[in-house]
């Protein structure tokens, strides 16, 4: 379930960067409910939305899509 991985990473970065769901949804131009579905892994974000999220967080898009490996 790649959507779950993306969702968890988006939620983690959102919190790390100090965004609420409402604030991030507003920045992205989507509803809070859509963002919640993405974060829970129930909805797959389109590539354009992933690019916007990465830009807002000021991180490479790969940080959102790659598998995090703890060493």
PDB file of N, CA and C in Angstrom:
ATOM      1  N   UNK A   1       0.823  -1.178   0.000  1.00  0.00           N
ATOM      2  CA  UNK A   1       0.000   0.000   0.000  1.00  0.00           C
ATOM      3  C   UNK A   1       0.875   1.252   0.000  1.00  0.00           C
ATOM      4  N   UNK A   2       1.296   1.670  -1.154  1.00  0.00           N
ATOM      5  CA  UNK A   2       2.124   2.860  -1.257  1.00  0.00           C
ATOM      6  C   UNK A   2       1.404   4.101  -0.767  1.00  0.00           C
ATOM      7  N   UNK A   3       0.071   4.158  -0.940  1.00  0.00           N
ATOM      8  CA  UNK A   3      -0.688   5.314  -0.493  1.00  0.00           C
ATOM      9  C   UNK A   3      -0.514   5.525   1.010  1.00  0.00           C
ATOM     10  N   UNK A   4      -0.497   4.416   1.765  1.00  0.00           N
ATOM     11  CA  UNK A   4      -0.311   4.520   3.207  1.00  0.00           C
ATOM     12  C   UNK A   4       1.045   5.109   3.542  1.00  0.00           C
ATOM     13  N   UNK A   5       2.085   4.666   2.836  1.00  0.00           N
ATOM     14  CA  UNK A   5       3.433   5.192   3.071  1.00  0.00           C
ATOM     15  C   UNK A   5       3.476   6.674   2.778  1.00  0.00           C
ATOM     16  N   UNK A   6       2.908   7.075   1.629  1.00  0.00           N
ATOM     17  CA  UNK A   6       2.896   8.501   1.278  1.00  0.00           C
ATOM     18  C   UNK A   6       2.126   9.281   2.322  1.00  0.00           C
ATOM     19  N   UNK A   7       0.983   8.755   2.703  1.00  0.00           N
ATOM     20  CA  UNK A   7       0.153   9.439   3.682  1.00  0.00           C
ATOM     21  C   UNK A   7       0.868   9.648   5.003  1.00  0.00           C
ATOM     22  N   UNK A   8       1.532   8.604   5.487  1.00  0.00           N
ATOM     23  CA  UNK A   8       2.273   8.710   6.752  1.00  0.00           C
ATOM     24  C   UNK A   8       3.399   9.726   6.633  1.00  0.00           C
ATOM     25  N   UNK A   9       4.078   9.733   5.499  1.00  0.00           N
ATOM     26  CA  UNK A   9       5.192  10.673   5.314  1.00  0.00           C
ATOM     27  C   UNK A   9       4.683  12.106   5.200  1.00  0.00           C
ATOM     28  N   UNK A  10       3.584  12.296   4.491  1.00  0.00           N
ATOM     29  CA  UNK A  10       3.013  13.637   4.371  1.00  0.00           C
ATOM     30  C   UNK A  10       2.598  14.137   5.751  1.00  0.00           C
ATOM     31  N   UNK A  11       1.916  13.290   6.526  1.00  0.00           N
ATOM     32  CA  UNK A  11       1.501  13.682   7.876  1.00  0.00           C
ATOM     33  C   UNK A  11       2.714  14.007   8.743  1.00  0.00           C
ATOM     34  N   UNK A  12       3.745  13.182   8.687  1.00  0.00           N
ATOM     35  CA  UNK A  12       4.943  13.407   9.497  1.00  0.00           C
ATOM     36  C   UNK A  12       5.617  14.728   9.130  1.00  0.00           C
ATOM     37  N   UNK A  13       5.779  14.978   7.824  1.00  0.00           N
ATOM     38  CA  UNK A  13       6.393  16.241   7.404  1.00  0.00           C
ATOM     39  C   UNK A  13       5.500  17.429   7.748  1.00  0.00           C
ATOM     40  N   UNK A  14       4.193  17.265   7.630  1.00  0.00           N
ATOM     41  CA  UNK A  14       3.268  18.354   7.967  1.00  0.00           C
ATOM     42  C   UNK A  14       3.466  18.771   9.417  1.00  0.00           C
ATOM     43  N   UNK A  15       3.526  17.793  10.300  1.00  0.00           N
ATOM     44  CA  UNK A  15       3.708  18.091  11.711  1.00  0.00           C
ATOM     45  C   UNK A  15       5.103  18.660  11.975  1.00  0.00           C
ATOM     46  N   UNK A  16       6.103  18.083  11.331  1.00  0.00           N
ATOM     47  CA  UNK A  16       7.476  18.561  11.493  1.00  0.00           C
ATOM     48  C   UNK A  16       7.614  20.020  11.068  1.00  0.00           C
ATOM     49  N   UNK A  17       6.927  20.389  10.006  1.00  0.00           N
ATOM     50  CA  UNK A  17       7.008  21.747   9.475  1.00  0.00           C
ATOM     51  C   UNK A  17       6.032  22.710  10.157  1.00  0.00           C
ATOM     52  N   UNK A  18       5.242  22.209  11.108  1.00  0.00           N
ATOM     53  CA  UNK A  18       4.368  23.058  11.900  1.00  0.00           C
ATOM     54  C   UNK A  18       3.041  23.422  11.255  1.00  0.00           C
ATOM     55  N   UNK A  19       2.589  22.629  10.299  1.00  0.00           N
ATOM     56  CA  UNK A  19       1.312  22.873   9.640  1.00  0.00           C
ATOM     57  C   UNK A  19       0.195  22.095  10.319  1.00  0.00           C
ATOM     58  N   UNK A  20      -0.974  22.705  10.397  1.00  0.00           N
ATOM     59  CA  UNK A  20      -2.179  21.966  10.749  1.00  0.00           C
ATOM     60  C   UNK A  20      -2.744  21.406   9.454  1.00  0.00           C
ATOM     61  N   UNK A  21      -3.681  20.476   9.568  1.00  0.00           N
ATOM     62  CA  UNK A  21      -4.333  19.983   8.353  1.00  0.00           C
ATOM     63  C   UNK A  21      -5.043  21.123   7.643  1.00  0.00           C
ATOM     64  N   UNK A  22      -5.676  21.988   8.405  1.00  0.00           N
ATOM     65  CA  UNK A  22      -6.398  23.114   7.819  1.00  0.00           C
ATOM     66  C   UNK A  22      -5.450  24.044   7.065  1.00  0.00           C
ATOM     67  N   UNK A  23      -4.320  24.349   7.683  1.00  0.00           N
ATOM     68  CA  UNK A  23      -3.357  25.250   7.056  1.00  0.00           C
ATOM     69  C   UNK A  23      -2.760  24.677   5.783  1.00  0.00           C
ATOM     70  N   UNK A  24      -2.389  23.408   5.825  1.00  0.00           N
ATOM     71  CA  UNK A  24      -1.804  22.791   4.638  1.00  0.00           C
ATOM     72  C   UNK A  24      -2.845  22.650   3.536  1.00  0.00           C
ATOM     73  N   UNK A  25      -4.049  22.246   3.895  1.00  0.00           N
ATOM     74  CA  UNK A  25      -5.108  22.110   2.894  1.00  0.00           C
ATOM     75  C   UNK A  25      -5.364  23.449   2.208  1.00  0.00           C
ATOM     76  N   UNK A  26      -5.381  24.524   2.984  1.00  0.00           N
ATOM     77  CA  UNK A  26      -5.590  25.862   2.422  1.00  0.00           C
ATOM     78  C   UNK A  26      -4.465  26.216   1.443  1.00  0.00           C
ATOM     79  N   UNK A  27      -3.219  25.950   1.831  1.00  0.00           N
ATOM     80  CA  UNK A  27      -2.063  26.220   0.957  1.00  0.00           C
ATOM     81  C   UNK A  27      -2.152  25.427  -0.349  1.00  0.00           C
ATOM     82  N   UNK A  28      -2.660  24.205  -0.259  1.00  0.00           N
ATOM     83  CA  UNK A  28      -2.741  23.330  -1.424  1.00  0.00           C
ATOM     84  C   UNK A  28      -3.986  23.574  -2.273  1.00  0.00           C
ATOM     85  N   UNK A  29      -4.960  24.274  -1.708  1.00  0.00           N
ATOM     86  CA  UNK A  29      -6.205  24.508  -2.428  1.00  0.00           C
ATOM     87  C   UNK A  29      -7.104  23.283  -2.473  1.00  0.00           C
ATOM     88  N   UNK A  30      -7.021  22.454  -1.425  1.00  0.00           N
ATOM     89  CA  UNK A  30      -7.875  21.267  -1.327  1.00  0.00           C
ATOM     90  C   UNK A  30      -8.617  21.318   0.003  1.00  0.00           C
ATOM     91  N   UNK A  31      -9.609  20.467   0.154  1.00  0.00           N
ATOM     92  CA  UNK A  31     -10.357  20.437   1.409  1.00  0.00           C
ATOM     93  C   UNK A  31      -9.587  19.641   2.462  1.00  0.00           C
ATOM     94  N   UNK A  32      -9.918  19.920   3.707  1.00  0.00           N
ATOM     95  CA  UNK A  32      -9.315  19.185   4.828  1.00  0.00           C
ATOM     96  C   UNK A  32      -9.662  17.708   4.725  1.00  0.00           C
ATOM     97  N   UNK A  33     -10.871  17.410   4.283  1.00  0.00           N
ATOM     98  CA  UNK A  33     -11.271  16.003   4.188  1.00  0.00           C
ATOM     99  C   UNK A  33     -10.439  15.258   3.146  1.00  0.00           C
ATOM    100  N   UNK A  34     -10.108  15.909   2.031  1.00  0.00           N
ATOM    101  CA  UNK A  34      -9.260  15.275   1.014  1.00  0.00           C
ATOM    102  C   UNK A  34      -7.862  15.043   1.585  1.00  0.00           C
ATOM    103  N   UNK A  35      -7.307  16.041   2.272  1.00  0.00           N
ATOM    104  CA  UNK A  35      -5.987  15.873   2.878  1.00  0.00           C
ATOM    105  C   UNK A  35      -6.014  14.748   3.900  1.00  0.00           C
ATOM    106  N   UNK A  36      -7.067  14.668   4.696  1.00  0.00           N
ATOM    107  CA  UNK A  36      -7.191  13.585   5.673  1.00  0.00           C
ATOM    108  C   UNK A  36      -7.218  12.219   5.008  1.00  0.00           C
ATOM    109  N   UNK A  37      -7.932  12.108   3.895  1.00  0.00           N
ATOM    110  CA  UNK A  37      -7.973  10.833   3.168  1.00  0.00           C
ATOM    111  C   UNK A  37      -6.593  10.468   2.637  1.00  0.00           C
ATOM    112  N   UNK A  38      -5.855  11.450   2.168  1.00  0.00           N
ATOM    113  CA  UNK A  38      -4.495  11.196   1.678  1.00  0.00           C
ATOM    114  C   UNK A  38      -3.608  10.729   2.827  1.00  0.00           C
ATOM    115  N   UNK A  39      -3.664  11.438   3.946  1.00  0.00           N
ATOM    116  CA  UNK A  39      -2.819  11.087   5.092  1.00  0.00           C
ATOM    117  C   UNK A  39      -3.146   9.703   5.647  1.00  0.00           C
ATOM    118  N   UNK A  40      -4.399   9.302   5.562  1.00  0.00           N
ATOM    119  CA  UNK A  40      -4.787   7.963   6.041  1.00  0.00           C
ATOM    120  C   UNK A  40      -4.506   6.867   5.022  1.00  0.00           C
ATOM    121  N   UNK A  41      -4.117   7.255   3.816  1.00  0.00           N
ATOM    122  CA  UNK A  41      -3.820   6.270   2.788  1.00  0.00           C
ATOM    123  C   UNK A  41      -5.043   5.812   2.022  1.00  0.00           C
ATOM    124  N   UNK A  42      -6.159   6.531   2.150  1.00  0.00           N
ATOM    125  CA  UNK A  42      -7.377   6.155   1.447  1.00  0.00           C
ATOM    126  C   UNK A  42      -7.476   6.779   0.063  1.00  0.00           C
ATOM    127  N   UNK A  43      -6.602   7.722  -0.219  1.00  0.00           N
ATOM    128  CA  UNK A  43      -6.630   8.404  -1.516  1.00  0.00           C
ATOM    129  C   UNK A  43      -5.187   8.612  -1.971  1.00  0.00           C
ATOM    130  N   UNK A  44      -4.945   8.308  -3.228  1.00  0.00           N
ATOM    131  CA  UNK A  44      -3.607   8.478  -3.795  1.00  0.00           C
ATOM    132  C   UNK A  44      -3.497   9.897  -4.361  1.00  0.00           C
ATOM    133  N   UNK A  45      -2.519  10.665  -3.880  1.00  0.00           N
ATOM    134  CA  UNK A  45      -2.360  12.019  -4.410  1.00  0.00           C
ATOM    135  C   UNK A  45      -1.790  11.994  -5.819  1.00  0.00           C
ATOM    136  N   UNK A  46      -2.271  12.907  -6.645  1.00  0.00           N
ATOM    137  CA  UNK A  46      -1.737  13.017  -7.999  1.00  0.00           C
ATOM    138  C   UNK A  46      -0.336  13.605  -7.932  1.00  0.00           C
ATOM    139  N   UNK A  47       0.429  13.386  -8.990  1.00  0.00           N
ATOM    140  CA  UNK A  47       1.814  13.849  -9.031  1.00  0.00           C
ATOM    141  C   UNK A  47       1.902  15.364  -8.855  1.00  0.00           C
ATOM    142  N   UNK A  48       0.964  16.089  -9.447  1.00  0.00           N
ATOM    143  CA  UNK A  48       0.960  17.553  -9.324  1.00  0.00           C
ATOM    144  C   UNK A  48       0.802  17.972  -7.857  1.00  0.00           C
ATOM    145  N   UNK A  49      -0.079  17.287  -7.136  1.00  0.00           N
ATOM    146  CA  UNK A  49      -0.290  17.602  -5.725  1.00  0.00           C
ATOM    147  C   UNK A  49       0.944  17.253  -4.909  1.00  0.00           C
ATOM    148  N   UNK A  50       1.574  16.130  -5.217  1.00  0.00           N
ATOM    149  CA  UNK A  50       2.804  15.751  -4.512  1.00  0.00           C
ATOM    150  C   UNK A  50       3.884  16.805  -4.722  1.00  0.00           C
ATOM    151  N   UNK A  51       3.965  17.344  -5.928  1.00  0.00           N
ATOM    152  CA  UNK A  51       4.948  18.395  -6.214  1.00  0.00           C
ATOM    153  C   UNK A  51       4.663  19.651  -5.394  1.00  0.00           C
ATOM    154  N   UNK A  52       3.393  20.009  -5.275  1.00  0.00           N
ATOM    155  CA  UNK A  52       3.008  21.176  -4.475  1.00  0.00           C
ATOM    156  C   UNK A  52       3.361  20.966  -3.006  1.00  0.00           C
ATOM    157  N   UNK A  53       3.072  19.768  -2.505  1.00  0.00           N
ATOM    158  CA  UNK A  53       3.367  19.462  -1.104  1.00  0.00           C
ATOM    159  C   UNK A  53       4.866  19.573  -0.851  1.00  0.00           C
ATOM    160  N   UNK A  54       5.661  18.982  -1.719  1.00  0.00           N
ATOM    161  CA  UNK A  54       7.116  19.034  -1.570  1.00  0.00           C
ATOM    162  C   UNK A  54       7.609  20.481  -1.607  1.00  0.00           C
ATOM    163  N   UNK A  55       7.042  21.293  -2.487  1.00  0.00           N
ATOM    164  CA  UNK A  55       7.458  22.694  -2.586  1.00  0.00           C
ATOM    165  C   UNK A  55       7.115  23.455  -1.309  1.00  0.00           C
ATOM    166  N   UNK A  56       5.931  23.226  -0.777  1.00  0.00           N
ATOM    167  CA  UNK A  56       5.529  23.898   0.463  1.00  0.00           C
ATOM    168  C   UNK A  56       6.436  23.489   1.621  1.00  0.00           C
ATOM    169  N   UNK A  57       6.763  22.212   1.683  1.00  0.00           N
ATOM    170  CA  UNK A  57       7.640  21.721   2.747  1.00  0.00           C
ATOM    171  C   UNK A  57       9.112  22.036   2.489  1.00  0.00           C
ATOM    172  N   UNK A  58       9.420  22.505   1.292  1.00  0.00           N
ATOM    173  CA  UNK A  58      10.792  22.817   0.874  1.00  0.00           C
ATOM    174  C   UNK A  58      11.702  21.589   0.988  1.00  0.00           C
ATOM    175  N   UNK A  59      11.195  20.492   0.418  1.00  0.00           N
ATOM    176  CA  UNK A  59      11.957  19.242   0.388  1.00  0.00           C
ATOM    177  C   UNK A  59      11.875  18.669  -1.019  1.00  0.00           C
ATOM    178  N   UNK A  60      12.841  17.817  -1.399  1.00  0.00           N
ATOM    179  CA  UNK A  60      12.722  17.129  -2.691  1.00  0.00           C
ATOM    180  C   UNK A  60      11.527  16.173  -2.658  1.00  0.00           C
ATOM    181  N   UNK A  61      10.862  16.025  -3.774  1.00  0.00           N
ATOM    182  CA  UNK A  61       9.687  15.138  -3.829  1.00  0.00           C
ATOM    183  C   UNK A  61      10.059  13.706  -3.443  1.00  0.00           C
ATOM    184  N   UNK A  62      11.303  13.325  -3.684  1.00  0.00           N
ATOM    185  CA  UNK A  62      11.762  11.982  -3.305  1.00  0.00           C
ATOM    186  C   UNK A  62      11.609  11.721  -1.812  1.00  0.00           C
ATOM    187  N   UNK A  63      11.688  12.771  -1.001  1.00  0.00           N
ATOM    188  CA  UNK A  63      11.532  12.601   0.449  1.00  0.00           C
ATOM    189  C   UNK A  63      10.129  12.112   0.806  1.00  0.00           C
ATOM    190  N   UNK A  64       9.171  12.429  -0.027  1.00  0.00           N
ATOM    191  CA  UNK A  64       7.799  11.987   0.226  1.00  0.00           C
ATOM    192  C   UNK A  64       7.515  10.609  -0.333  1.00  0.00           C
ATOM    193  N   UNK A  65       8.216  10.232  -1.383  1.00  0.00           N
ATOM    194  CA  UNK A  65       7.871   9.000  -2.088  1.00  0.00           C
ATOM    195  C   UNK A  65       8.770   7.820  -1.777  1.00  0.00           C
ATOM    196  N   UNK A  66       9.966   8.080  -1.296  1.00  0.00           N
ATOM    197  CA  UNK A  66      10.878   6.963  -1.072  1.00  0.00           C
ATOM    198  C   UNK A  66      10.605   6.293   0.261  1.00  0.00           C
ATOM    199  N   UNK A  67      10.965   5.069   0.343  1.00  0.00           N
ATOM    200  CA  UNK A  67      10.831   4.306   1.570  1.00  0.00           C
ATOM    201  C   UNK A  67      11.874   4.819   2.571  1.00  0.00           C
ATOM    202  N   UNK A  68      11.436   5.133   3.756  1.00  0.00           N
ATOM    203  CA  UNK A  68      12.344   5.592   4.794  1.00  0.00           C
ATOM    204  C   UNK A  68      13.015   4.382   5.423  1.00  0.00           C
ATOM    205  N   UNK A  69      14.320   4.413   5.457  1.00  0.00           N
ATOM    206  CA  UNK A  69      15.077   3.299   6.027  1.00  0.00           C
ATOM    207  C   UNK A  69      15.876   3.833   7.209  1.00  0.00           C
ATOM    208  N   UNK A  70      15.572   3.337   8.397  1.00  0.00           N
ATOM    209  CA  UNK A  70      16.275   3.774   9.602  1.00  0.00           C
ATOM    210  C   UNK A  70      17.539   2.943   9.753  1.00  0.00           C
ATOM    211  N   UNK A  71      18.655   3.632   9.961  1.00  0.00           N
ATOM    212  CA  UNK A  71      19.941   2.930  10.125  1.00  0.00           C
ATOM    213  C   UNK A  71      20.461   3.129  11.515  1.00  0.00           C
TER     214      UNK A  71
END
